[in-house]
Each structure stands twice: as structure tokens, then as C-alpha cells.
Amino acid sequence: MNSFFANNILWTAVFAASLAQLLKIAIVGITEKRAALDRLVETGGMPSSHSAAVSALATGVGIEHGWDSTLFAIAAVFGFIVMYDATGIRRAAGLQAELLNDLVQQLNHVFDEGFQPQVLKTLLGHTYPQVIIGALLGIITGFVSLAN
């Protein structure tokens, strides 16, 4: 169990993701002038915590095991898939949820009075800038934390 807690690459990735989530709260606080503690556990928004985590992971693996290692290749490909998914599938799902929420609101008069539509979560994916900033945050976190 001690080796689990001594895994610097793992904790660097966790730290990068946590830092991104905290930055989301700060960004909403500054831009929207409101406390948004719910952002700590939500997906989507600036910066991408998923991108920060996988970039910190790949950076850490590159530093520890070499940029030409099989482990780095695996971590990098995994990271690219996560970031591609964030801007593609998850973003599209969020846009569809937005459209469905609007549609239900417009058709609300058609439904029975007992019908209580559940508002779908729309902040699921990321824009390209959100993913890029998250990735840069992860890379910087990896280098600062793990480079000797």
C-alpha cells in the first residue's frame, strides 16, 4: 500500500485534475461574479480537468520512463483519445441535451399537468480551447512536479 501512495505520477495526475477543477470555480467566480462550488464535481468548462490529468500522466511517464518508451506511447495515445472524446462525443451529447431541454420547454403546454420533465445536464464536453488549456496545465504540472 505504501507504493500506491508513493506513486508520484499518479498523484501528479490527480493534482492536475484537482487544480483544473479549482480553476473552474475561480473562473466562474471572476466572470460570473458568483460562487460555483458545484463546479468542483462537474464535467465540462474551462479548463478541462480530464485533459489536465491525462497530460500530466503522459508527461510524468515520459519523464520517468523516457519519451521513447512504450509506456509513454500508451499514455500519450490514451490522452489523445480522452481529449478527442471530450471535444467530440461528450460535447455533442451536451449540445443535444441543450436542444432537448429547449424542445421540452417549448412543448410544455402539450404535456399533462403531472408531467415533470427532468432538465438534462448540458455541460458535458469541452471546446478546443478548454482542452488545450487543460492539456497545457497538465504538462506544466507534470514538469514542475516530476522533473528533477
C-alpha atoms as a PDB file:
ATOM      1  CA  MET A   1       0.000   0.000   0.000  1.00  0.00           C
ATOM      2  CA  ASN A   2       2.935   2.338   0.626  1.00  0.00           C
ATOM      3  CA  SER A   3       3.957   2.051  -3.034  1.00  0.00           C
ATOM      4  CA  PHE A   4       0.484   3.238  -4.030  1.00  0.00           C
ATOM      5  CA  PHE A   5       0.906   6.427  -2.019  1.00  0.00           C
ATOM      6  CA  ALA A   6       4.459   6.848  -3.328  1.00  0.00           C
ATOM      7  CA  ASN A   7       3.327   6.790  -6.982  1.00  0.00           C
ATOM      8  CA  ASN A   8       4.349  10.326  -7.923  1.00  0.00           C
ATOM      9  CA  ILE A   9       2.990  10.081 -11.470  1.00  0.00           C
ATOM     10  CA  LEU A  10      -0.468   9.082 -10.229  1.00  0.00           C
ATOM     11  CA  TRP A  11      -0.618  11.873  -7.649  1.00  0.00           C
ATOM     12  CA  THR A  12       0.644  14.419 -10.151  1.00  0.00           C
ATOM     13  CA  ALA A  13      -2.228  13.499 -12.481  1.00  0.00           C
ATOM     14  CA  VAL A  14      -4.725  13.694  -9.602  1.00  0.00           C
ATOM     15  CA  PHE A  15      -3.287  17.062  -8.561  1.00  0.00           C
ATOM     16  CA  ALA A  16      -3.515  18.420 -12.126  1.00  0.00           C
ATOM     17  CA  ALA A  17      -7.170  17.370 -12.401  1.00  0.00           C
ATOM     18  CA  SER A  18      -7.953  18.853  -8.974  1.00  0.00           C
ATOM     19  CA  LEU A  19      -6.187  22.092  -9.866  1.00  0.00           C
ATOM     20  CA  ALA A  20      -8.254  22.330 -13.069  1.00  0.00           C
ATOM     21  CA  GLN A  21     -11.475  21.834 -11.090  1.00  0.00           C
ATOM     22  CA  LEU A  22     -10.459  24.563  -8.634  1.00  0.00           C
ATOM     23  CA  LEU A  23      -9.641  26.876 -11.538  1.00  0.00           C
ATOM     24  CA  LYS A  24     -13.160  26.307 -12.905  1.00  0.00           C
ATOM     25  CA  ILE A  25     -14.601  27.635  -9.635  1.00  0.00           C
ATOM     26  CA  ALA A  26     -12.285  30.648  -9.739  1.00  0.00           C
ATOM     27  CA  ILE A  27     -13.075  31.390 -13.398  1.00  0.00           C
ATOM     28  CA  VAL A  28     -16.838  31.265 -12.789  1.00  0.00           C
ATOM     29  CA  GLY A  29     -16.368  33.433  -9.700  1.00  0.00           C
ATOM     30  CA  ILE A  30     -14.472  36.055 -11.684  1.00  0.00           C
ATOM     31  CA  THR A  31     -16.516  36.011 -14.902  1.00  0.00           C
ATOM     32  CA  GLU A  32     -19.993  35.490 -13.463  1.00  0.00           C
ATOM     33  CA  LYS A  33     -19.484  37.047 -10.013  1.00  0.00           C
ATOM     34  CA  ARG A  34     -20.947  34.057  -8.183  1.00  0.00           C
ATOM     35  CA  ALA A  35     -19.803  31.144  -6.056  1.00  0.00           C
ATOM     36  CA  ALA A  36     -19.961  27.936  -8.067  1.00  0.00           C
ATOM     37  CA  LEU A  37     -18.804  25.196  -5.714  1.00  0.00           C
ATOM     38  CA  ASP A  38     -20.863  22.699  -7.726  1.00  0.00           C
ATOM     39  CA  ARG A  39     -18.238  23.073 -10.482  1.00  0.00           C
ATOM     40  CA  LEU A  40     -15.839  21.108  -8.275  1.00  0.00           C
ATOM     41  CA  VAL A  41     -17.541  17.849  -9.259  1.00  0.00           C
ATOM     42  CA  GLU A  42     -18.983  18.707 -12.678  1.00  0.00           C
ATOM     43  CA  THR A  43     -17.605  17.897 -16.093  1.00  0.00           C
ATOM     44  CA  GLY A  44     -17.149  20.453 -18.850  1.00  0.00           C
ATOM     45  CA  GLY A  45     -15.933  24.014 -18.662  1.00  0.00           C
ATOM     46  CA  MET A  46     -12.575  25.799 -18.644  1.00  0.00           C
ATOM     47  CA  PRO A  47     -10.071  24.201 -18.245  1.00  0.00           C
ATOM     48  CA  SER A  48     -10.623  20.524 -18.981  1.00  0.00           C
ATOM     49  CA  SER A  49      -9.654  18.503 -15.915  1.00  0.00           C
ATOM     50  CA  HIS A  50      -9.646  15.289 -17.950  1.00  0.00           C
ATOM     51  CA  SER A  51      -7.118  16.825 -20.340  1.00  0.00           C
ATOM     52  CA  ALA A  52      -5.043  18.087 -17.418  1.00  0.00           C
ATOM     53  CA  ALA A  53      -4.990  14.636 -15.819  1.00  0.00           C
ATOM     54  CA  VAL A  54      -4.038  12.657 -18.920  1.00  0.00           C
ATOM     55  CA  SER A  55      -1.447  15.239 -19.984  1.00  0.00           C
ATOM     56  CA  ALA A  56       0.149  15.194 -16.531  1.00  0.00           C
ATOM     57  CA  LEU A  57       0.087  11.390 -16.664  1.00  0.00           C
ATOM     58  CA  ALA A  58       1.759  11.228 -20.081  1.00  0.00           C
ATOM     59  CA  THR A  59       4.289  13.902 -19.110  1.00  0.00           C
ATOM     60  CA  GLY A  60       5.146  12.046 -15.924  1.00  0.00           C
ATOM     61  CA  VAL A  61       5.548   8.757 -17.782  1.00  0.00           C
ATOM     62  CA  GLY A  62       7.758  10.478 -20.364  1.00  0.00           C
ATOM     63  CA  ILE A  63       9.964  11.992 -17.663  1.00  0.00           C
ATOM     64  CA  GLU A  64      10.222   8.789 -15.597  1.00  0.00           C
ATOM     65  CA  HIS A  65      10.395   6.133 -18.330  1.00  0.00           C
ATOM     66  CA  GLY A  66      11.653   8.034 -21.366  1.00  0.00           C
ATOM     67  CA  TRP A  67       9.951   9.786 -24.236  1.00  0.00           C
ATOM     68  CA  ASP A  68      10.706   6.817 -26.489  1.00  0.00           C
ATOM     69  CA  SER A  69       9.254   4.192 -24.113  1.00  0.00           C
ATOM     70  CA  THR A  70       6.250   2.005 -24.811  1.00  0.00           C
ATOM     71  CA  LEU A  71       4.678   3.277 -21.584  1.00  0.00           C
ATOM     72  CA  PHE A  72       4.841   6.865 -22.821  1.00  0.00           C
ATOM     73  CA  ALA A  73       3.291   5.826 -26.145  1.00  0.00           C
ATOM     74  CA  ILE A  74       0.417   4.131 -24.287  1.00  0.00           C
ATOM     75  CA  ALA A  75      -0.136   7.142 -22.015  1.00  0.00           C
ATOM     76  CA  ALA A  76       0.010   9.588 -24.933  1.00  0.00           C
ATOM     77  CA  VAL A  77      -2.457   7.629 -27.072  1.00  0.00           C
ATOM     78  CA  PHE A  78      -4.769   7.244 -24.065  1.00  0.00           C
ATOM     79  CA  GLY A  79      -4.550  11.010 -23.535  1.00  0.00           C
ATOM     80  CA  PHE A  80      -5.341  11.809 -27.158  1.00  0.00           C
ATOM     81  CA  ILE A  81      -8.402   9.525 -27.035  1.00  0.00           C
ATOM     82  CA  VAL A  82      -9.681  11.201 -23.861  1.00  0.00           C
ATOM     83  CA  MET A  83      -9.205  14.684 -25.330  1.00  0.00           C
ATOM     84  CA  TYR A  84     -10.766  13.707 -28.657  1.00  0.00           C
ATOM     85  CA  ASP A  85     -13.766  12.276 -26.816  1.00  0.00           C
ATOM     86  CA  ALA A  86     -14.143  15.450 -24.734  1.00  0.00           C
ATOM     87  CA  THR A  87     -14.396  17.660 -27.829  1.00  0.00           C
ATOM     88  CA  GLY A  88     -16.356  15.184 -29.922  1.00  0.00           C
ATOM     89  CA  ILE A  89     -18.800  12.752 -28.388  1.00  0.00           C
ATOM     90  CA  ARG A  90     -19.247  14.377 -24.971  1.00  0.00           C
ATOM     91  CA  ARG A  91     -19.545  17.857 -26.494  1.00  0.00           C
ATOM     92  CA  ALA A  92     -22.158  16.608 -28.966  1.00  0.00           C
ATOM     93  CA  ALA A  93     -24.106  14.947 -26.142  1.00  0.00           C
ATOM     94  CA  GLY A  94     -24.142  18.258 -24.252  1.00  0.00           C
ATOM     95  CA  LEU A  95     -25.381  20.152 -27.304  1.00  0.00           C
ATOM     96  CA  GLN A  96     -28.123  17.555 -27.837  1.00  0.00           C
ATOM     97  CA  ALA A  97     -29.166  17.847 -24.193  1.00  0.00           C
ATOM     98  CA  GLU A  98     -29.403  21.627 -24.637  1.00  0.00           C
ATOM     99  CA  LEU A  99     -31.640  21.184 -27.675  1.00  0.00           C
ATOM    100  CA  LEU A 100     -33.854  18.649 -25.893  1.00  0.00           C
ATOM    101  CA  ASN A 101     -34.230  20.950 -22.877  1.00  0.00           C
ATOM    102  CA  ASP A 102     -35.336  23.786 -25.189  1.00  0.00           C
ATOM    103  CA  LEU A 103     -37.745  21.491 -27.022  1.00  0.00           C
ATOM    104  CA  VAL A 104     -39.371  20.234 -23.798  1.00  0.00           C
ATOM    105  CA  GLN A 105     -39.723  23.816 -22.564  1.00  0.00           C
ATOM    106  CA  GLN A 106     -41.373  24.914 -25.825  1.00  0.00           C
ATOM    107  CA  LEU A 107     -43.743  21.920 -25.819  1.00  0.00           C
ATOM    108  CA  ASN A 108     -44.524  22.098 -22.111  1.00  0.00           C
ATOM    109  CA  HIS A 109     -48.133  23.143 -22.810  1.00  0.00           C
ATOM    110  CA  VAL A 110     -48.718  19.848 -24.671  1.00  0.00           C
ATOM    111  CA  PHE A 111     -47.826  17.635 -21.711  1.00  0.00           C
ATOM    112  CA  ASP A 112     -50.131  16.577 -18.888  1.00  0.00           C
ATOM    113  CA  GLU A 113     -50.043  18.774 -15.811  1.00  0.00           C
ATOM    114  CA  GLY A 114     -48.479  15.882 -13.882  1.00  0.00           C
ATOM    115  CA  PHE A 115     -45.562  15.642 -16.303  1.00  0.00           C
ATOM    116  CA  GLN A 116     -42.392  16.857 -14.615  1.00  0.00           C
ATOM    117  CA  PRO A 117     -39.598  16.848 -17.183  1.00  0.00           C
ATOM    118  CA  GLN A 118     -36.111  16.433 -15.822  1.00  0.00           C
ATOM    119  CA  VAL A 119     -33.713  19.059 -17.095  1.00  0.00           C
ATOM    120  CA  LEU A 120     -30.816  17.330 -18.804  1.00  0.00           C
ATOM    121  CA  LYS A 121     -27.244  18.211 -17.895  1.00  0.00           C
ATOM    122  CA  THR A 122     -25.711  20.196 -20.744  1.00  0.00           C
ATOM    123  CA  LEU A 123     -22.165  20.902 -19.557  1.00  0.00           C
ATOM    124  CA  LEU A 124     -20.637  17.575 -20.584  1.00  0.00           C
ATOM    125  CA  GLY A 125     -17.887  18.147 -23.100  1.00  0.00           C
ATOM    126  CA  HIS A 126     -15.320  20.770 -23.971  1.00  0.00           C
ATOM    127  CA  THR A 127     -14.400  23.255 -26.634  1.00  0.00           C
ATOM    128  CA  TYR A 128     -10.947  23.044 -28.210  1.00  0.00           C
ATOM    129  CA  PRO A 129      -9.575  25.951 -26.135  1.00  0.00           C
ATOM    130  CA  GLN A 130     -10.769  24.284 -22.907  1.00  0.00           C
ATOM    131  CA  VAL A 131      -8.975  21.061 -23.859  1.00  0.00           C
ATOM    132  CA  ILE A 132      -5.801  22.871 -24.964  1.00  0.00           C
ATOM    133  CA  ILE A 133      -5.590  24.887 -21.732  1.00  0.00           C
ATOM    134  CA  GLY A 134      -6.264  21.740 -19.687  1.00  0.00           C
ATOM    135  CA  ALA A 135      -3.529  19.875 -21.571  1.00  0.00           C
ATOM    136  CA  LEU A 136      -1.047  22.726 -21.044  1.00  0.00           C
ATOM    137  CA  LEU A 137      -1.936  22.813 -17.349  1.00  0.00           C
ATOM    138  CA  GLY A 138      -1.256  19.068 -17.113  1.00  0.00           C
ATOM    139  CA  ILE A 139       2.048  19.280 -18.971  1.00  0.00           C
ATOM    140  CA  ILE A 140       3.253  22.169 -16.798  1.00  0.00           C
ATOM    141  CA  THR A 141       2.102  20.374 -13.633  1.00  0.00           C
ATOM    142  CA  GLY A 142       3.943  17.234 -14.744  1.00  0.00           C
ATOM    143  CA  PHE A 143       7.199  19.063 -15.411  1.00  0.00           C
ATOM    144  CA  VAL A 144       7.039  21.144 -12.220  1.00  0.00           C
ATOM    145  CA  SER A 145       6.178  18.121 -10.081  1.00  0.00           C
ATOM    146  CA  LEU A 146       8.377  15.427 -11.582  1.00  0.00           C
ATOM    147  CA  ALA A 147      11.353  16.977 -13.385  1.00  0.00           C
ATOM    148  CA  ASN A 148      14.495  16.799 -11.275  1.00  0.00           C
END
